[in-house]
Amino acid sequence: ALKVTGALAMLFFCVYWVLVALWLYR
């Protein structure tokens, strides 16, 4: 459960990070 939670947290963090870069690009 902790590993899945950590993986999801990292996934959402990466998505957020990329979304900011894509919005800046657009």
PDB file of all heavy atoms in Angstrom:
ATOM      1  N   ALA A   1       0.834  -1.205   0.000  1.00  0.00           N
ATOM      2  CA  ALA A   1       0.000   0.000   0.000  1.00  0.00           C
ATOM      3  C   ALA A   1       0.865   1.250   0.000  1.00  0.00           C
ATOM      4  O   ALA A   1       0.570   2.226  -0.705  1.00  0.00           O
ATOM      5  CB  ALA A   1      -0.931  -0.009   1.213  1.00  0.00           C
ATOM      6  N   LEU A   2       1.951   1.238   0.772  1.00  0.00           N
ATOM      7  CA  LEU A   2       2.840   2.396   0.812  1.00  0.00           C
ATOM      8  C   LEU A   2       3.545   2.603  -0.517  1.00  0.00           C
ATOM      9  O   LEU A   2       3.707   3.742  -0.988  1.00  0.00           O
ATOM     10  CB  LEU A   2       3.872   2.219   1.933  1.00  0.00           C
ATOM     11  CG  LEU A   2       3.342   2.344   3.365  1.00  0.00           C
ATOM     12  CD1 LEU A   2       4.445   2.012   4.361  1.00  0.00           C
ATOM     13  CD2 LEU A   2       2.820   3.760   3.621  1.00  0.00           C
ATOM     14  N   LYS A   3       3.977   1.504  -1.140  1.00  0.00           N
ATOM     15  CA  LYS A   3       4.653   1.621  -2.432  1.00  0.00           C
ATOM     16  C   LYS A   3       3.705   2.124  -3.517  1.00  0.00           C
ATOM     17  O   LYS A   3       4.080   2.965  -4.347  1.00  0.00           O
ATOM     18  CB  LYS A   3       5.248   0.273  -2.831  1.00  0.00           C
ATOM     19  CG  LYS A   3       6.449  -0.138  -1.985  1.00  0.00           C
ATOM     20  CD  LYS A   3       6.973  -1.504  -2.390  1.00  0.00           C
ATOM     21  CE  LYS A   3       8.168  -1.909  -1.540  1.00  0.00           C
ATOM     22  NZ  LYS A   3       8.687  -3.250  -1.904  1.00  0.00           N
ATOM     23  N   VAL A   4       2.471   1.609  -3.502  1.00  0.00           N
ATOM     24  CA  VAL A   4       1.482   2.075  -4.481  1.00  0.00           C
ATOM     25  C   VAL A   4       1.174   3.550  -4.258  1.00  0.00           C
ATOM     26  O   VAL A   4       1.079   4.337  -5.215  1.00  0.00           O
ATOM     27  CB  VAL A   4       0.190   1.233  -4.389  1.00  0.00           C
ATOM     28  CG1 VAL A   4      -0.923   1.853  -5.233  1.00  0.00           C
ATOM     29  CG2 VAL A   4       0.458  -0.194  -4.843  1.00  0.00           C
ATOM     30  N   THR A   5       1.027   3.945  -2.988  1.00  0.00           N
ATOM     31  CA  THR A   5       0.765   5.351  -2.667  1.00  0.00           C
ATOM     32  C   THR A   5       1.917   6.228  -3.124  1.00  0.00           C
ATOM     33  O   THR A   5       1.712   7.297  -3.722  1.00  0.00           O
ATOM     34  CB  THR A   5       0.555   5.514  -1.153  1.00  0.00           C
ATOM     35  OG1 THR A   5      -0.564   4.724  -0.742  1.00  0.00           O
ATOM     36  CG2 THR A   5       0.287   6.969  -0.796  1.00  0.00           C
ATOM     37  N   GLY A   6       3.135   5.786  -2.857  1.00  0.00           N
ATOM     38  CA  GLY A   6       4.301   6.548  -3.288  1.00  0.00           C
ATOM     39  C   GLY A   6       4.399   6.639  -4.805  1.00  0.00           C
ATOM     40  O   GLY A   6       4.736   7.706  -5.350  1.00  0.00           O
ATOM     41  N   ALA A   7       4.086   5.536  -5.498  1.00  0.00           N
ATOM     42  CA  ALA A   7       4.140   5.536  -6.966  1.00  0.00           C
ATOM     43  C   ALA A   7       3.092   6.479  -7.547  1.00  0.00           C
ATOM     44  O   ALA A   7       3.376   7.232  -8.499  1.00  0.00           O
ATOM     45  CB  ALA A   7       3.932   4.113  -7.488  1.00  0.00           C
ATOM     46  N   LEU A   8       1.878   6.457  -6.980  1.00  0.00           N
ATOM     47  CA  LEU A   8       0.827   7.356  -7.458  1.00  0.00           C
ATOM     48  C   LEU A   8       1.174   8.813  -7.183  1.00  0.00           C
ATOM     49  O   LEU A   8       0.926   9.691  -8.025  1.00  0.00           O
ATOM     50  CB  LEU A   8      -0.508   6.996  -6.805  1.00  0.00           C
ATOM     51  CG  LEU A   8      -1.212   5.743  -7.331  1.00  0.00           C
ATOM     52  CD1 LEU A   8      -2.459   5.449  -6.518  1.00  0.00           C
ATOM     53  CD2 LEU A   8      -1.570   5.907  -8.810  1.00  0.00           C
ATOM     54  N   ALA A   9       1.738   9.069  -6.005  1.00  0.00           N
ATOM     55  CA  ALA A   9       2.147  10.436  -5.678  1.00  0.00           C
ATOM     56  C   ALA A   9       3.201  10.937  -6.665  1.00  0.00           C
ATOM     57  O   ALA A   9       3.146  12.077  -7.140  1.00  0.00           O
ATOM     58  CB  ALA A   9       2.687  10.494  -4.248  1.00  0.00           C
ATOM     59  N   MET A  10       4.165  10.065  -6.997  1.00  0.00           N
ATOM     60  CA  MET A  10       5.192  10.431  -7.971  1.00  0.00           C
ATOM     61  C   MET A  10       4.593  10.641  -9.350  1.00  0.00           C
ATOM     62  O   MET A  10       4.974  11.563 -10.077  1.00  0.00           O
ATOM     63  CB  MET A  10       6.271   9.345  -8.009  1.00  0.00           C
ATOM     64  CG  MET A  10       7.430   9.659  -8.938  1.00  0.00           C
ATOM     65  SD  MET A  10       8.321  11.182  -8.485  1.00  0.00           S
ATOM     66  CE  MET A  10       9.028  10.665  -6.903  1.00  0.00           C
ATOM     67  N   LEU A  11       3.624   9.786  -9.724  1.00  0.00           N
ATOM     68  CA  LEU A  11       2.971   9.919 -11.017  1.00  0.00           C
ATOM     69  C   LEU A  11       2.244  11.253 -11.135  1.00  0.00           C
ATOM     70  O   LEU A  11       2.400  11.974 -12.136  1.00  0.00           O
ATOM     71  CB  LEU A  11       1.987   8.768 -11.219  1.00  0.00           C
ATOM     72  CG  LEU A  11       1.109   8.849 -12.482  1.00  0.00           C
ATOM     73  CD1 LEU A  11       1.967   8.805 -13.734  1.00  0.00           C
ATOM     74  CD2 LEU A  11       0.082   7.726 -12.489  1.00  0.00           C
ATOM     75  N   PHE A  12       1.446  11.591 -10.116  1.00  0.00           N
ATOM     76  CA  PHE A  12       0.708  12.852 -10.157  1.00  0.00           C
ATOM     77  C   PHE A  12       1.650  14.051 -10.122  1.00  0.00           C
ATOM     78  O   PHE A  12       1.383  15.077 -10.752  1.00  0.00           O
ATOM     79  CB  PHE A  12      -0.290  12.923  -8.994  1.00  0.00           C
ATOM     80  CG  PHE A  12      -1.579  12.213  -9.272  1.00  0.00           C
ATOM     81  CD1 PHE A  12      -1.817  10.942  -8.781  1.00  0.00           C
ATOM     82  CD2 PHE A  12      -2.559  12.804 -10.046  1.00  0.00           C
ATOM     83  CE1 PHE A  12      -2.999  10.278  -9.051  1.00  0.00           C
ATOM     84  CE2 PHE A  12      -3.752  12.157 -10.326  1.00  0.00           C
ATOM     85  CZ  PHE A  12      -3.972  10.887  -9.824  1.00  0.00           C
ATOM     86  N   PHE A  13       2.759  13.914  -9.397  1.00  0.00           N
ATOM     87  CA  PHE A  13       3.744  15.000  -9.368  1.00  0.00           C
ATOM     88  C   PHE A  13       4.363  15.190 -10.748  1.00  0.00           C
ATOM     89  O   PHE A  13       4.541  16.328 -11.202  1.00  0.00           O
ATOM     90  CB  PHE A  13       4.826  14.692  -8.339  1.00  0.00           C
ATOM     91  CG  PHE A  13       5.891  15.740  -8.261  1.00  0.00           C
ATOM     92  CD1 PHE A  13       5.663  16.943  -7.603  1.00  0.00           C
ATOM     93  CD2 PHE A  13       7.133  15.538  -8.864  1.00  0.00           C
ATOM     94  CE1 PHE A  13       6.649  17.924  -7.544  1.00  0.00           C
ATOM     95  CE2 PHE A  13       8.122  16.503  -8.801  1.00  0.00           C
ATOM     96  CZ  PHE A  13       7.878  17.699  -8.138  1.00  0.00           C
ATOM     97  N   CYS A  14       4.695  14.092 -11.422  1.00  0.00           N
ATOM     98  CA  CYS A  14       5.288  14.175 -12.765  1.00  0.00           C
ATOM     99  C   CYS A  14       4.294  14.767 -13.757  1.00  0.00           C
ATOM    100  O   CYS A  14       4.669  15.578 -14.623  1.00  0.00           O
ATOM    101  CB  CYS A  14       5.746  12.793 -13.225  1.00  0.00           C
ATOM    102  SG  CYS A  14       7.187  12.153 -12.326  1.00  0.00           S
ATOM    103  N   VAL A  15       3.021  14.352 -13.656  1.00  0.00           N
ATOM    104  CA  VAL A  15       1.995  14.900 -14.542  1.00  0.00           C
ATOM    105  C   VAL A  15       1.861  16.404 -14.330  1.00  0.00           C
ATOM    106  O   VAL A  15       1.784  17.178 -15.296  1.00  0.00           O
ATOM    107  CB  VAL A  15       0.641  14.194 -14.299  1.00  0.00           C
ATOM    108  CG1 VAL A  15      -0.489  14.919 -15.034  1.00  0.00           C
ATOM    109  CG2 VAL A  15       0.721  12.743 -14.754  1.00  0.00           C
ATOM    110  N   TYR A  16       1.832  16.820 -13.062  1.00  0.00           N
ATOM    111  CA  TYR A  16       1.761  18.249 -12.756  1.00  0.00           C
ATOM    112  C   TYR A  16       2.953  18.986 -13.354  1.00  0.00           C
ATOM    113  O   TYR A  16       2.815  20.059 -13.964  1.00  0.00           O
ATOM    114  CB  TYR A  16       1.711  18.438 -11.234  1.00  0.00           C
ATOM    115  CG  TYR A  16       2.381  19.694 -10.741  1.00  0.00           C
ATOM    116  CD1 TYR A  16       1.768  20.938 -10.866  1.00  0.00           C
ATOM    117  CD2 TYR A  16       3.652  19.644 -10.158  1.00  0.00           C
ATOM    118  CE1 TYR A  16       2.396  22.095 -10.435  1.00  0.00           C
ATOM    119  CE2 TYR A  16       4.278  20.783  -9.724  1.00  0.00           C
ATOM    120  CZ  TYR A  16       3.658  22.010  -9.863  1.00  0.00           C
ATOM    121  OH  TYR A  16       4.288  23.145  -9.436  1.00  0.00           O
ATOM    122  N   TRP A  17       4.149  18.409 -13.197  1.00  0.00           N
ATOM    123  CA  TRP A  17       5.375  19.055 -13.672  1.00  0.00           C
ATOM    124  C   TRP A  17       5.344  19.240 -15.195  1.00  0.00           C
ATOM    125  O   TRP A  17       5.670  20.311 -15.717  1.00  0.00           O
ATOM    126  CB  TRP A  17       6.583  18.209 -13.266  1.00  0.00           C
ATOM    127  CG  TRP A  17       7.893  18.917 -13.360  1.00  0.00           C
ATOM    128  CD1 TRP A  17       8.660  19.078 -14.467  1.00  0.00           C
ATOM    129  CD2 TRP A  17       8.593  19.575 -12.299  1.00  0.00           C
ATOM    130  NE1 TRP A  17       9.808  19.783 -14.174  1.00  0.00           N
ATOM    131  CE2 TRP A  17       9.791  20.104 -12.855  1.00  0.00           C
ATOM    132  CE3 TRP A  17       8.335  19.753 -10.940  1.00  0.00           C
ATOM    133  CZ2 TRP A  17      10.724  20.805 -12.077  1.00  0.00           C
ATOM    134  CZ3 TRP A  17       9.254  20.446 -10.173  1.00  0.00           C
ATOM    135  CH2 TRP A  17      10.437  20.971 -10.748  1.00  0.00           C
ATOM    136  N   VAL A  18       4.909  18.185 -15.897  1.00  0.00           N
ATOM    137  CA  VAL A  18       4.850  18.240 -17.360  1.00  0.00           C
ATOM    138  C   VAL A  18       3.739  19.179 -17.827  1.00  0.00           C
ATOM    139  O   VAL A  18       3.900  19.901 -18.829  1.00  0.00           O
ATOM    140  CB  VAL A  18       4.644  16.822 -17.929  1.00  0.00           C
ATOM    141  CG1 VAL A  18       4.404  16.877 -19.433  1.00  0.00           C
ATOM    142  CG2 VAL A  18       5.850  15.944 -17.626  1.00  0.00           C
ATOM    143  N   LEU A  19       2.609  19.193 -17.117  1.00  0.00           N
ATOM    144  CA  LEU A  19       1.509  20.090 -17.494  1.00  0.00           C
ATOM    145  C   LEU A  19       1.942  21.547 -17.449  1.00  0.00           C
ATOM    146  O   LEU A  19       1.563  22.345 -18.323  1.00  0.00           O
ATOM    147  CB  LEU A  19       0.311  19.873 -16.566  1.00  0.00           C
ATOM    148  CG  LEU A  19      -0.616  18.703 -16.890  1.00  0.00           C
ATOM    149  CD1 LEU A  19      -1.706  18.580 -15.839  1.00  0.00           C
ATOM    150  CD2 LEU A  19      -1.230  18.863 -18.280  1.00  0.00           C
ATOM    151  N   VAL A  20       2.718  21.921 -16.437  1.00  0.00           N
ATOM    152  CA  VAL A  20       3.209  23.299 -16.342  1.00  0.00           C
ATOM    153  C   VAL A  20       4.080  23.631 -17.547  1.00  0.00           C
ATOM    154  O   VAL A  20       3.943  24.699 -18.167  1.00  0.00           O
ATOM    155  CB  VAL A  20       4.001  23.504 -15.033  1.00  0.00           C
ATOM    156  CG1 VAL A  20       4.708  24.859 -15.049  1.00  0.00           C
ATOM    157  CG2 VAL A  20       3.065  23.431 -13.833  1.00  0.00           C
ATOM    158  N   ALA A  21       4.975  22.705 -17.921  1.00  0.00           N
ATOM    159  CA  ALA A  21       5.854  22.937 -19.067  1.00  0.00           C
ATOM    160  C   ALA A  21       5.054  23.034 -20.363  1.00  0.00           C
ATOM    161  O   ALA A  21       5.319  23.899 -21.217  1.00  0.00           O
ATOM    162  CB  ALA A  21       6.883  21.824 -19.156  1.00  0.00           C
ATOM    163  N   LEU A  22       4.048  22.158 -20.533  1.00  0.00           N
ATOM    164  CA  LEU A  22       3.231  22.187 -21.751  1.00  0.00           C
ATOM    165  C   LEU A  22       2.393  23.448 -21.826  1.00  0.00           C
ATOM    166  O   LEU A  22       2.215  24.025 -22.918  1.00  0.00           O
ATOM    167  CB  LEU A  22       2.328  20.947 -21.797  1.00  0.00           C
ATOM    168  CG  LEU A  22       3.029  19.607 -22.033  1.00  0.00           C
ATOM    169  CD1 LEU A  22       2.021  18.466 -21.975  1.00  0.00           C
ATOM    170  CD2 LEU A  22       3.765  19.604 -23.374  1.00  0.00           C
ATOM    171  N   TRP A  23       1.860  23.888 -20.680  1.00  0.00           N
ATOM    172  CA  TRP A  23       1.076  25.127 -20.694  1.00  0.00           C
ATOM    173  C   TRP A  23       1.962  26.312 -21.055  1.00  0.00           C
ATOM    174  O   TRP A  23       1.552  27.182 -21.846  1.00  0.00           O
ATOM    175  CB  TRP A  23       0.429  25.367 -19.334  1.00  0.00           C
ATOM    176  CG  TRP A  23      -0.427  26.608 -19.347  1.00  0.00           C
ATOM    177  CD1 TRP A  23      -1.747  26.697 -19.686  1.00  0.00           C
ATOM    178  CD2 TRP A  23       0.000  27.945 -19.031  1.00  0.00           C
ATOM    179  NE1 TRP A  23      -2.174  27.995 -19.607  1.00  0.00           N
ATOM    180  CE2 TRP A  23      -1.127  28.787 -19.200  1.00  0.00           C
ATOM    181  CE3 TRP A  23       1.201  28.496 -18.624  1.00  0.00           C
ATOM    182  CZ2 TRP A  23      -1.060  30.162 -18.986  1.00  0.00           C
ATOM    183  CZ3 TRP A  23       1.273  29.874 -18.405  1.00  0.00           C
ATOM    184  CH2 TRP A  23       0.154  30.696 -18.584  1.00  0.00           C
ATOM    185  N   LEU A  24       3.171  26.352 -20.519  1.00  0.00           N
ATOM    186  CA  LEU A  24       4.097  27.429 -20.859  1.00  0.00           C
ATOM    187  C   LEU A  24       4.417  27.405 -22.352  1.00  0.00           C
ATOM    188  O   LEU A  24       4.478  28.458 -22.997  1.00  0.00           O
ATOM    189  CB  LEU A  24       5.382  27.292 -20.042  1.00  0.00           C
ATOM    190  CG  LEU A  24       5.387  27.937 -18.652  1.00  0.00           C
ATOM    191  CD1 LEU A  24       6.668  27.593 -17.919  1.00  0.00           C
ATOM    192  CD2 LEU A  24       5.248  29.442 -18.762  1.00  0.00           C
ATOM    193  N   TYR A  25       4.631  26.207 -22.880  1.00  0.00           N
ATOM    194  CA  TYR A  25       4.933  26.078 -24.305  1.00  0.00           C
ATOM    195  C   TYR A  25       3.773  26.608 -25.144  1.00  0.00           C
ATOM    196  O   TYR A  25       3.978  27.392 -26.086  1.00  0.00           O
ATOM    197  CB  TYR A  25       5.197  24.610 -24.633  1.00  0.00           C
ATOM    198  CG  TYR A  25       5.616  24.374 -26.069  1.00  0.00           C
ATOM    199  CD1 TYR A  25       6.956  24.278 -26.411  1.00  0.00           C
ATOM    200  CD2 TYR A  25       4.656  24.233 -27.074  1.00  0.00           C
ATOM    201  CE1 TYR A  25       7.344  24.054 -27.733  1.00  0.00           C
ATOM    202  CE2 TYR A  25       5.037  24.017 -28.395  1.00  0.00           C
ATOM    203  CZ  TYR A  25       6.373  23.927 -28.721  1.00  0.00           C
ATOM    204  OH  TYR A  25       6.753  23.709 -30.023  1.00  0.00           O
ATOM    205  N   ARG A  26       2.542  26.190 -24.812  1.00  0.00           N
ATOM    206  CA  ARG A  26       1.386  26.610 -25.606  1.00  0.00           C
ATOM    207  C   ARG A  26       1.145  28.107 -25.496  1.00  0.00           C
ATOM    208  O   ARG A  26       0.895  28.787 -26.503  1.00  0.00           O
ATOM    209  CB  ARG A  26       0.137  25.849 -25.167  1.00  0.00           C
ATOM    210  CG  ARG A  26      -1.036  26.048 -26.133  1.00  0.00           C
ATOM    211  CD  ARG A  26      -2.349  25.636 -25.526  1.00  0.00           C
ATOM    212  NE  ARG A  26      -2.799  26.564 -24.495  1.00  0.00           N
ATOM    213  CZ  ARG A  26      -4.048  26.625 -24.055  1.00  0.00           C
ATOM    214  NH1 ARG A  26      -4.966  25.809 -24.542  1.00  0.00           N
ATOM    215  NH2 ARG A  26      -4.390  27.468 -23.107  1.00  0.00           N
TER     216      ARG A  26
END
